[in-house]
Protein backbone atom coordinates (compact mmCIF):
# COMPACT_ATOMS: atom_id res chain seq x y z
CA MET A 1 -67.59 -29.63 -78.69
CA PRO A 2 -68.44 -29.85 -82.39
CA ALA A 3 -69.78 -33.22 -83.39
CA GLY A 4 -67.31 -35.59 -85.04
CA ARG A 5 -64.11 -33.95 -83.78
CA GLY A 6 -63.59 -35.86 -80.54
CA PRO A 7 -62.80 -39.45 -81.56
CA ALA A 8 -60.62 -38.51 -84.57
CA PRO A 9 -57.17 -39.00 -82.93
CA ALA A 10 -57.82 -42.64 -81.95
CA PRO A 11 -58.31 -44.01 -85.48
CA ALA A 12 -55.34 -41.97 -86.71
CA LEU A 13 -53.11 -43.40 -83.97
CA GLY A 14 -54.26 -46.93 -84.68
CA GLN A 15 -53.73 -46.47 -88.38
CA LYS A 16 -50.20 -45.16 -87.75
CA ALA A 17 -49.35 -48.16 -85.57
CA GLY A 18 -50.78 -50.51 -88.19
CA ASN A 19 -48.71 -48.90 -90.93
CA GLY A 20 -45.58 -49.22 -88.80
CA LEU A 21 -46.28 -52.88 -88.15
CA ALA A 22 -46.89 -53.49 -91.85
CA ARG A 23 -43.61 -51.79 -92.75
CA GLY A 24 -41.78 -53.90 -90.17
CA ILE A 25 -43.22 -57.14 -91.50
CA GLN A 26 -42.42 -56.08 -95.05
CA ARG A 27 -38.84 -55.32 -94.05
CA VAL A 28 -38.09 -58.65 -92.36
CA THR A 29 -39.77 -60.72 -95.07
CA ALA A 30 -38.73 -58.91 -98.24
CA SER A 31 -34.97 -58.92 -97.68
CA ALA A 32 -32.19 -60.51 -95.66
CA LEU A 33 -31.01 -57.78 -93.31
CA GLY A 34 -27.37 -57.07 -92.54
CA PRO A 35 -25.83 -58.54 -95.72
CA TYR A 36 -22.43 -56.97 -95.03
CA GLN A 37 -22.44 -57.87 -91.34
CA SER A 38 -23.33 -61.51 -92.07
CA ALA A 39 -20.64 -61.62 -94.76
CA VAL A 40 -18.03 -60.37 -92.28
CA ILE A 41 -19.15 -63.00 -89.76
CA ARG A 42 -18.82 -65.69 -92.45
CA ILE A 43 -15.38 -64.52 -93.48
CA GLY A 44 -14.18 -63.96 -89.92
CA PHE A 45 -15.13 -67.32 -88.45
CA SER A 46 -14.12 -69.39 -91.45
CA ALA A 47 -10.76 -67.60 -91.59
CA THR A 48 -10.26 -68.11 -87.85
CA TYR A 49 -10.85 -71.85 -87.99
CA LEU A 50 -8.94 -72.26 -91.24
CA LEU A 51 -5.86 -70.61 -89.73
CA PHE A 52 -6.27 -72.68 -86.56
CA LEU A 53 -6.37 -75.94 -88.52
CA LEU A 54 -3.35 -74.90 -90.56
CA ARG A 55 -1.38 -73.95 -87.45
CA GLU A 56 -2.17 -77.28 -85.79
CA LEU A 57 -1.51 -79.29 -88.94
CA PRO A 58 1.81 -80.72 -87.62
CA HIS A 59 0.14 -81.59 -84.28
CA ARG A 60 -3.25 -82.76 -85.52
CA HIS A 61 -2.67 -86.43 -84.59
CA GLU A 62 -1.76 -85.54 -81.00
CA LEU A 63 -4.66 -83.12 -80.58
CA TYR A 64 -7.56 -84.82 -82.33
CA GLY A 65 -6.21 -87.90 -84.10
CA PRO A 66 -5.11 -91.45 -83.30
CA ASP A 67 -2.16 -90.31 -81.13
CA SER A 68 -4.25 -88.10 -78.87
CA PRO A 69 -4.03 -88.72 -75.10
CA TRP A 70 -7.82 -88.57 -75.18
CA HIS A 71 -8.06 -91.91 -76.97
CA TRP A 72 -10.74 -92.75 -79.50
CA ASP A 73 -12.41 -95.25 -77.14
CA MET A 74 -12.55 -92.64 -74.38
CA ALA A 75 -14.04 -90.10 -76.77
CA ARG A 76 -16.63 -92.64 -77.92
CA GLN A 77 -17.70 -93.35 -74.33
CA LEU A 78 -18.07 -89.65 -73.55
CA ILE A 79 -20.00 -88.93 -76.76
CA ALA A 80 -22.30 -91.85 -76.01
CA ASN A 81 -23.19 -90.15 -72.73
CA ASN A 82 -23.50 -86.54 -73.86
CA GLU A 83 -25.06 -87.42 -77.27
CA ALA A 84 -22.69 -85.13 -79.16
CA PHE A 85 -22.01 -85.32 -82.90
CA SER A 86 -18.67 -86.19 -84.47
CA VAL A 87 -18.06 -87.97 -87.75
CA LEU A 88 -14.64 -88.91 -86.35
CA MET A 89 -16.50 -91.47 -84.26
CA TRP A 90 -17.58 -93.32 -87.39
CA SER A 91 -14.16 -94.96 -87.62
CA ASP A 92 -10.89 -94.98 -85.68
CA SER A 93 -8.66 -95.34 -88.74
CA ALA A 94 -5.97 -92.76 -89.40
CA LEU A 95 -7.10 -92.49 -93.02
CA TRP A 96 -10.61 -91.48 -92.00
CA PHE A 97 -9.22 -88.88 -89.61
CA GLU A 98 -7.05 -87.40 -92.38
CA ALA A 99 -10.03 -87.27 -94.74
CA VAL A 100 -12.21 -85.46 -92.19
CA TYR A 101 -9.44 -83.01 -91.31
CA VAL A 102 -8.78 -82.17 -94.96
CA LEU A 103 -12.50 -81.85 -95.70
CA THR A 104 -12.87 -79.44 -92.77
CA LEU A 105 -9.97 -77.40 -94.14
CA LEU A 106 -11.52 -77.28 -97.60
CA SER A 107 -14.97 -76.40 -96.30
CA ALA A 108 -13.51 -73.54 -94.25
CA ALA A 109 -11.70 -72.24 -97.34
CA ALA A 110 -14.86 -72.55 -99.47
CA LEU A 111 -16.91 -70.73 -96.84
CA LEU A 112 -14.28 -68.02 -96.62
CA LEU A 113 -14.47 -67.44 -100.38
CA GLY A 114 -18.24 -67.85 -100.48
CA TRP A 115 -18.16 -70.73 -102.97
CA ARG A 116 -21.34 -72.85 -102.86
CA THR A 117 -21.93 -71.28 -99.49
CA ARG A 118 -24.93 -73.33 -98.40
CA THR A 119 -23.11 -76.63 -98.92
CA ALA A 120 -19.85 -75.20 -97.56
CA SER A 121 -21.60 -73.92 -94.41
CA VAL A 122 -23.12 -77.35 -93.71
CA LEU A 123 -19.81 -79.11 -94.23
CA PHE A 124 -18.06 -76.46 -92.13
CA MET A 125 -20.53 -77.01 -89.30
CA ALA A 126 -20.04 -80.79 -89.49
CA GLY A 127 -16.26 -80.39 -89.50
CA VAL A 128 -16.17 -77.95 -86.57
CA LEU A 129 -18.49 -80.07 -84.43
CA SER A 130 -16.61 -83.25 -85.32
CA VAL A 131 -13.14 -81.95 -84.54
CA GLN A 132 -14.11 -80.12 -81.36
CA ASN A 133 -16.25 -82.94 -79.96
CA ARG A 134 -13.46 -85.44 -80.66
CA SER A 135 -11.28 -83.84 -77.94
CA ILE A 136 -13.40 -81.41 -75.97
CA PHE A 137 -10.63 -80.61 -73.47
CA MET A 138 -8.42 -79.00 -76.11
CA GLY A 139 -10.44 -75.83 -76.63
CA ASP A 140 -11.03 -72.48 -74.94
CA GLY A 141 -13.71 -69.81 -74.95
CA GLY A 142 -13.04 -68.98 -78.58
CA ASP A 143 -13.80 -72.56 -79.60
CA ASN A 144 -17.18 -72.34 -77.89
CA VAL A 145 -18.03 -69.21 -79.91
CA ILE A 146 -16.92 -70.88 -83.16
CA HIS A 147 -18.97 -73.94 -82.22
CA LEU A 148 -22.15 -71.88 -81.95
CA MET A 149 -21.49 -69.62 -84.91
CA ALA A 150 -20.81 -72.60 -87.17
CA ILE A 151 -24.38 -73.72 -86.48
CA TYR A 152 -25.86 -70.25 -86.94
CA LEU A 153 -24.11 -69.68 -90.27
CA VAL A 154 -26.03 -72.59 -91.79
CA LEU A 155 -29.25 -70.64 -91.26
CA THR A 156 -28.07 -67.31 -92.70
CA ARG A 157 -27.87 -65.93 -96.22
CA CYS A 158 -24.30 -64.84 -95.61
CA ALA A 159 -23.06 -64.78 -99.22
CA GLN A 160 -25.12 -61.96 -100.68
CA VAL A 161 -22.00 -59.80 -100.90
CA TRP A 162 -18.24 -60.41 -100.93
CA SER A 163 -18.53 -63.98 -102.21
CA LEU A 164 -17.91 -66.05 -105.30
CA ASP A 165 -21.57 -67.01 -105.23
CA ALA A 166 -22.64 -63.37 -105.56
CA ARG A 167 -20.13 -62.86 -108.34
CA ARG A 168 -21.41 -65.93 -110.19
CA ALA A 169 -25.02 -64.81 -109.75
CA LYS A 170 -24.29 -61.42 -111.33
CA ARG A 171 -22.46 -63.01 -114.23
CA ASN A 172 -25.27 -65.49 -114.80
CA ALA A 173 -27.82 -62.67 -114.74
CA VAL A 174 -25.92 -60.89 -117.51
CA ARG A 175 -25.47 -64.07 -119.53
CA ASN A 176 -29.14 -65.05 -119.15
CA ALA A 177 -30.23 -61.62 -120.33
CA GLU A 178 -28.06 -61.97 -123.42
CA ARG A 179 -29.30 -65.52 -124.07
CA ALA A 180 -32.92 -64.40 -123.67
CA VAL A 181 -32.40 -61.77 -126.37
CA ASN A 182 -31.07 -64.47 -128.68
CA GLY A 183 -33.91 -66.84 -127.82
CA LEU A 184 -31.69 -69.30 -125.92
CA ALA A 185 -32.41 -71.15 -122.70
CA PRO A 186 -30.93 -69.70 -119.49
CA VAL A 187 -27.72 -71.04 -118.00
CA ARG A 188 -28.33 -74.13 -115.87
CA ASP A 189 -26.48 -74.88 -112.66
CA VAL A 190 -24.77 -78.27 -112.63
CA VAL A 191 -22.50 -78.20 -109.59
CA GLY A 192 -25.33 -77.57 -107.12
CA PRO A 193 -27.46 -80.60 -108.10
CA VAL A 194 -24.33 -82.78 -108.20
CA LEU A 195 -23.43 -81.79 -104.64
CA TRP A 196 -27.02 -82.43 -103.59
CA ALA A 197 -27.00 -85.90 -105.18
CA VAL A 198 -23.65 -86.84 -103.60
CA LEU A 199 -24.45 -85.63 -100.09
CA GLY A 200 -27.93 -87.19 -100.00
CA PRO A 201 -26.74 -90.81 -99.69
CA VAL A 202 -24.15 -89.75 -97.12
CA LEU A 203 -26.90 -88.18 -95.01
CA LEU A 204 -29.08 -91.27 -95.42
CA PHE A 205 -26.24 -93.54 -94.34
CA ALA A 206 -25.47 -91.39 -91.29
CA THR A 207 -29.13 -91.38 -90.29
CA LEU A 208 -29.61 -95.13 -90.63
CA THR A 209 -26.41 -95.90 -88.69
CA ASP A 210 -27.12 -93.39 -85.88
CA GLY A 211 -24.07 -91.38 -86.90
CA LEU A 212 -25.67 -87.98 -86.28
CA GLY A 213 -25.43 -88.04 -82.50
CA GLY A 214 -28.23 -88.38 -80.00
CA THR A 215 -29.88 -85.01 -80.48
CA TRP A 216 -33.05 -84.57 -82.51
CA TRP A 217 -32.35 -81.13 -83.94
CA LEU A 218 -29.27 -82.00 -86.01
CA PRO A 219 -30.89 -84.73 -88.17
CA VAL A 220 -33.97 -82.55 -88.59
CA LEU A 221 -31.87 -79.55 -89.62
CA LEU A 222 -29.81 -81.52 -92.15
CA TRP A 223 -32.81 -83.24 -93.71
CA VAL A 224 -34.78 -79.97 -93.94
CA ILE A 225 -31.85 -78.33 -95.71
CA TRP A 226 -31.41 -81.25 -98.08
CA LEU A 227 -35.11 -81.52 -98.95
CA SER A 228 -35.57 -77.77 -99.27
CA SER A 229 -32.65 -77.76 -101.71
CA ALA A 230 -34.72 -79.82 -104.09
CA ALA A 231 -37.69 -77.50 -103.64
CA TRP A 232 -35.50 -74.47 -104.26
CA TRP A 233 -34.01 -76.00 -107.40
CA ALA A 234 -37.46 -76.90 -108.73
CA ALA A 235 -38.76 -73.38 -108.07
CA ASN A 236 -35.78 -71.82 -109.84
CA ARG A 237 -36.08 -74.27 -112.72
CA PHE A 238 -39.81 -74.22 -113.43
CA ALA A 239 -41.19 -71.05 -111.79
CA PRO A 240 -38.37 -68.55 -111.19
CA HIS A 241 -40.86 -65.70 -110.81
CA GLY A 242 -43.79 -67.62 -109.37
CA GLU A 243 -45.35 -67.82 -105.94
CA PRO A 244 -43.34 -70.88 -104.75
CA ARG A 245 -40.09 -69.00 -105.41
CA THR A 246 -41.45 -65.96 -103.56
CA LEU A 247 -42.50 -68.12 -100.63
CA LEU A 248 -39.04 -69.71 -100.40
CA ASP A 249 -37.46 -66.25 -100.44
CA VAL A 250 -39.73 -65.08 -97.64
CA LEU A 251 -38.97 -68.13 -95.49
CA ALA A 252 -35.23 -67.82 -96.12
CA ASN A 253 -35.32 -64.13 -95.20
CA LEU A 254 -37.26 -64.79 -92.02
CA ILE A 255 -34.84 -67.52 -90.93
CA HIS A 256 -31.84 -65.34 -91.78
CA ASN A 257 -33.15 -62.31 -89.90
CA ALA A 258 -34.15 -64.39 -86.86
CA THR A 259 -30.71 -66.02 -86.79
CA LEU A 260 -29.01 -62.64 -87.08
CA ALA A 261 -31.02 -61.46 -84.06
CA VAL A 262 -29.92 -64.58 -82.16
CA ILE A 263 -26.27 -63.86 -83.01
CA MET A 264 -26.63 -60.30 -81.72
CA ALA A 265 -28.28 -61.55 -78.53
CA GLU A 266 -25.53 -64.16 -78.14
CA VAL A 267 -22.79 -61.53 -78.32
CA CYS A 268 -24.59 -59.32 -75.81
CA LEU A 269 -25.05 -62.29 -73.48
CA ILE A 270 -21.35 -63.18 -73.69
CA TYR A 271 -20.25 -59.69 -72.69
CA ALA A 272 -22.95 -59.19 -70.08
CA THR A 273 -22.24 -62.44 -68.25
CA ALA A 274 -18.47 -61.95 -68.50
CA GLY A 275 -18.75 -58.43 -67.10
CA TRP A 276 -21.09 -59.29 -64.23
CA TYR A 277 -18.99 -62.31 -63.21
CA LYS A 278 -15.91 -60.08 -63.17
CA ILE A 279 -17.68 -57.61 -60.87
CA GLN A 280 -18.07 -60.38 -58.28
CA GLY A 281 -14.33 -61.14 -58.23
CA SER A 282 -12.20 -59.44 -55.60
CA ARG A 283 -9.23 -59.01 -57.97
CA TRP A 284 -11.42 -57.18 -60.45
CA GLN A 285 -12.85 -55.06 -57.68
CA ASP A 286 -9.45 -53.86 -56.47
CA GLY A 287 -8.15 -53.36 -60.03
CA THR A 288 -5.33 -55.94 -60.01
CA ALA A 289 -6.87 -58.79 -62.05
CA LEU A 290 -4.86 -58.05 -65.20
CA HIS A 291 -1.57 -58.22 -63.30
CA TYR A 292 -1.69 -61.95 -62.60
CA PRO A 293 -2.01 -63.46 -66.12
CA LEU A 294 0.84 -61.18 -67.21
CA GLN A 295 3.06 -63.08 -64.73
CA LEU A 296 2.25 -66.53 -66.11
CA ASP A 297 4.71 -68.00 -68.61
CA TYR A 298 1.88 -69.62 -70.55
CA PHE A 299 0.29 -66.22 -71.26
CA THR A 300 3.43 -64.20 -71.95
CA PRO A 301 4.56 -64.63 -75.57
CA TRP A 302 6.41 -61.29 -75.21
CA PRO A 303 7.85 -61.33 -71.65
CA ALA A 304 9.49 -57.92 -71.93
CA LEU A 305 6.26 -56.27 -73.07
CA SER A 306 4.25 -58.05 -70.37
CA ASP A 307 6.73 -56.94 -67.68
CA ILE A 308 6.50 -53.31 -68.79
CA LEU A 309 2.71 -53.35 -68.57
CA ALA A 310 2.58 -55.34 -65.31
CA SER A 311 4.98 -52.93 -63.61
CA ASN A 312 2.70 -49.95 -64.31
CA GLY A 313 0.07 -50.08 -61.58
CA VAL A 314 -2.02 -47.23 -62.96
CA MET A 315 -2.22 -48.80 -66.40
CA VAL A 316 -3.13 -52.20 -64.95
CA MET A 317 -5.90 -50.65 -62.86
CA ALA A 318 -7.23 -48.59 -65.78
CA LEU A 319 -7.34 -51.60 -68.12
CA THR A 320 -8.91 -53.80 -65.45
CA TYR A 321 -11.72 -51.37 -64.64
CA GLY A 322 -12.09 -50.39 -68.30
CA THR A 323 -12.63 -54.02 -69.32
CA VAL A 324 -15.41 -54.48 -66.77
CA ILE A 325 -17.10 -51.17 -67.66
CA VAL A 326 -17.06 -51.86 -71.39
CA GLN A 327 -18.39 -55.41 -71.08
CA VAL A 328 -21.18 -54.52 -68.67
CA ALA A 329 -22.23 -51.36 -70.50
CA PHE A 330 -22.12 -52.61 -74.08
CA PRO A 331 -25.56 -54.33 -74.23
CA PHE A 332 -27.17 -51.11 -72.91
CA THR A 333 -25.54 -48.91 -75.56
CA LEU A 334 -27.20 -50.58 -78.55
CA PHE A 335 -29.91 -47.93 -78.47
CA ASN A 336 -27.36 -45.16 -79.01
CA ARG A 337 -25.43 -45.65 -82.22
CA ARG A 338 -22.54 -43.33 -81.43
CA VAL A 339 -21.84 -44.70 -77.97
CA LYS A 340 -22.19 -48.25 -79.29
CA ASN A 341 -19.62 -47.63 -82.00
CA VAL A 342 -17.17 -46.16 -79.47
CA LEU A 343 -17.48 -49.20 -77.17
CA LEU A 344 -17.28 -51.50 -80.18
CA VAL A 345 -13.92 -50.01 -81.11
CA ALA A 346 -12.81 -50.37 -77.49
CA MET A 347 -13.76 -54.07 -77.42
CA ILE A 348 -12.00 -54.77 -80.71
CA CYS A 349 -8.87 -53.07 -79.36
CA GLU A 350 -9.22 -55.09 -76.17
CA HIS A 351 -9.25 -58.37 -78.08
CA ALA A 352 -6.34 -57.25 -80.21
CA GLY A 353 -4.44 -56.60 -76.97
CA ILE A 354 -5.38 -60.06 -75.66
CA ALA A 355 -4.03 -61.63 -78.85
CA LEU A 356 -0.76 -59.70 -78.53
CA LEU A 357 -0.13 -59.76 -74.78
CA LEU A 358 -1.65 -63.09 -73.74
CA GLY A 359 -0.94 -65.11 -76.89
CA LEU A 360 -4.57 -66.01 -77.67
CA PRO A 361 -4.91 -65.01 -81.34
CA PHE A 362 -7.70 -67.37 -82.32
CA PHE A 363 -9.85 -66.49 -79.31
CA SER A 364 -9.43 -62.82 -80.20
CA MET A 365 -10.18 -63.42 -83.88
CA ALA A 366 -13.37 -65.29 -82.98
CA MET A 367 -14.57 -62.52 -80.67
CA ILE A 368 -13.73 -59.76 -83.16
CA ALA A 369 -15.65 -61.68 -85.84
CA ALA A 370 -18.62 -61.92 -83.46
CA ASP A 371 -18.38 -58.19 -82.68
CA ALA A 372 -18.59 -57.49 -86.42
CA VAL A 373 -22.34 -58.09 -86.36
CA PHE A 374 -22.66 -54.60 -84.83
CA LEU A 375 -20.37 -52.79 -87.28
CA PRO A 376 -22.06 -49.93 -89.17
CA THR A 377 -23.03 -50.71 -92.75
CA VAL A 378 -21.54 -47.43 -93.96
CA PHE A 379 -18.15 -48.42 -92.58
CA LEU A 380 -18.32 -51.89 -94.11
CA VAL A 381 -19.27 -50.48 -97.51
CA TRP A 382 -16.36 -48.04 -97.27
CA LEU A 383 -14.02 -50.86 -96.24
CA GLY A 384 -15.20 -53.00 -99.15
CA GLY A 385 -14.58 -50.12 -101.50
CA ARG A 386 -11.02 -49.67 -100.25
CA VAL A 387 -10.32 -53.39 -100.61
CA ALA A 388 -11.77 -53.40 -104.14
CA LEU A 389 -9.70 -50.32 -105.03
CA GLY A 390 -6.54 -51.99 -103.73
CA ARG A 391 -7.36 -55.10 -105.74
CA GLU A 392 -7.85 -53.09 -108.92
CA ARG A 393 -4.57 -51.26 -108.39
CA LEU A 394 -2.78 -54.55 -107.84
CA PHE A 395 -4.25 -56.15 -110.94
CA SER A 396 -3.59 -53.02 -112.98
CA ARG A 397 0.13 -53.67 -112.55
CA LEU A 398 -0.25 -57.14 -114.09
CA PRO A 399 -0.40 -57.83 -117.84
CA ARG A 400 -3.99 -57.54 -119.00
CA VAL A 401 -5.21 -60.68 -120.72
CA ALA A 402 -8.78 -61.02 -121.92
CA GLY A 403 -10.63 -62.96 -119.26
CA GLY A 404 -7.47 -63.22 -117.15
CA PRO A 405 -6.86 -61.98 -113.61
CA GLY A 406 -5.74 -58.58 -114.87
CA ALA A 407 -9.06 -57.94 -116.61
CA SER A 408 -11.66 -56.15 -114.57
CA VAL A 409 -14.72 -58.27 -113.79
CA ASP A 410 -16.79 -55.11 -113.32
CA SER A 411 -16.08 -53.48 -116.68
CA GLY A 412 -19.72 -53.87 -117.69
CA ARG A 413 -21.10 -51.82 -114.82
CA VAL A 414 -22.76 -48.53 -115.43
CA PRO A 415 -21.55 -45.76 -113.07
CA GLY A 416 -24.32 -44.33 -110.95
CA ARG A 417 -26.75 -47.20 -111.42
CA PRO A 418 -27.94 -48.60 -108.06
CA GLY A 419 -26.33 -51.90 -107.17
CA THR A 420 -23.52 -51.47 -109.70
CA ASP A 421 -20.98 -49.30 -107.89
CA ARG A 422 -17.28 -49.82 -108.56
CA ALA A 423 -16.61 -50.61 -104.92
CA GLY A 424 -17.65 -54.20 -105.49
CA THR A 425 -20.08 -54.12 -102.59
CA GLU A 426 -23.37 -54.61 -104.40
CA GLU A 427 -25.74 -57.36 -103.39
CA ALA A 428 -26.37 -60.40 -105.50
CA PRO A 429 -29.82 -60.73 -107.07
CA GLN A 430 -32.17 -62.74 -104.90
CA ARG A 431 -34.66 -63.61 -107.58
CA GLY A 432 -34.11 -66.03 -110.40
CA ALA A 433 -30.31 -65.93 -110.45
CA GLY A 434 -29.71 -67.98 -107.34
CA GLY A 435 -29.33 -65.12 -104.88
CA GLY A 436 -25.66 -65.77 -104.19
CA HIS A 437 -26.63 -68.20 -101.39
CA THR A 438 -29.20 -70.63 -102.64
CA LEU A 439 -30.31 -73.78 -100.90
CA VAL A 440 -28.83 -75.80 -103.73
CA GLY A 441 -25.37 -74.29 -103.94
């Protein structure tokens, strides 16, 4: 063998593996992955809980308020044992309950629109945990998913697209460029620091009075977010292109990407455990499990439709076995994009059927929102484009007033330039302009 030719493949293979690892690290640190998927999760879960709170508005006192059968003293004793968090335990007055309920409604609406998303996500988490932990026997499986996702959303950069924050960041970038040409100082954010200054004393009061529950992670999480907000503001204010700002971006991207992976694992775990538990049930094994809930008055909002389905034995058996197959197989199909997308459509249709036939709309909305983490980016971009096109057509029918709702907010875009397509799906800048989801706002 000629000298020098034998050991050549080993260094080449090691170099290839090292380059792949470097590209992977660069990918998870340089950007927040899945911007459209995380935006859909944000919109889906905030819309689900917002609609739930609005539907239960006439019954809020009986479910979670002073007229609840699960009295405030009983809830306080249970929370003292399980160390849960609920700001509704700070006071038993009806006025305090109304304030918390309204604040939860407003935070859900703000998170849905992507307005000051970091603050809105924290308030949304506090509201969801407070309301659910006040009367834990009022929920179902969908409430458990919302409970977890409300915590995860705090750790994600879920307002890079399809949010008011992203829209404001793009506008500020344009305005700052114009002001820089004229020698003026850049636009300063006022609302973010005001929210930070207002919520700081509230957090301090809750900490000193043991109002954050008995767990260690919640106070740590809230204080880290509050303190990092100041660091983020200082970096944007004094060194928008310096190393501290880059370091904060890297940390935020790492946390976002890790949380997105946890959400994906959570969804897979939900379906895997549900499917394998169904396999162990005799009614699921003989294909008759779906028949029985269709005979219960509580789960038959459309009795005639339920009777038609329940009377068809072949359809009942096919749906019963199909549900088990889809749930068990889904985690194993993530390595094949086409098969995964087919099963994803099947699961979304399954939850839509549960909402229609069994009268569980909010459970189905929560699960569909969780499934959205696996939706293809191409489809979400296409969907965003269709929504933006419909919006433009709607506004085009209205009288056009300068700066009014009929005026296009994207008139300054240049066709064909990356990140400036007319579909309204471009990402917000992540450097200098606030990123659409900063730790301040």
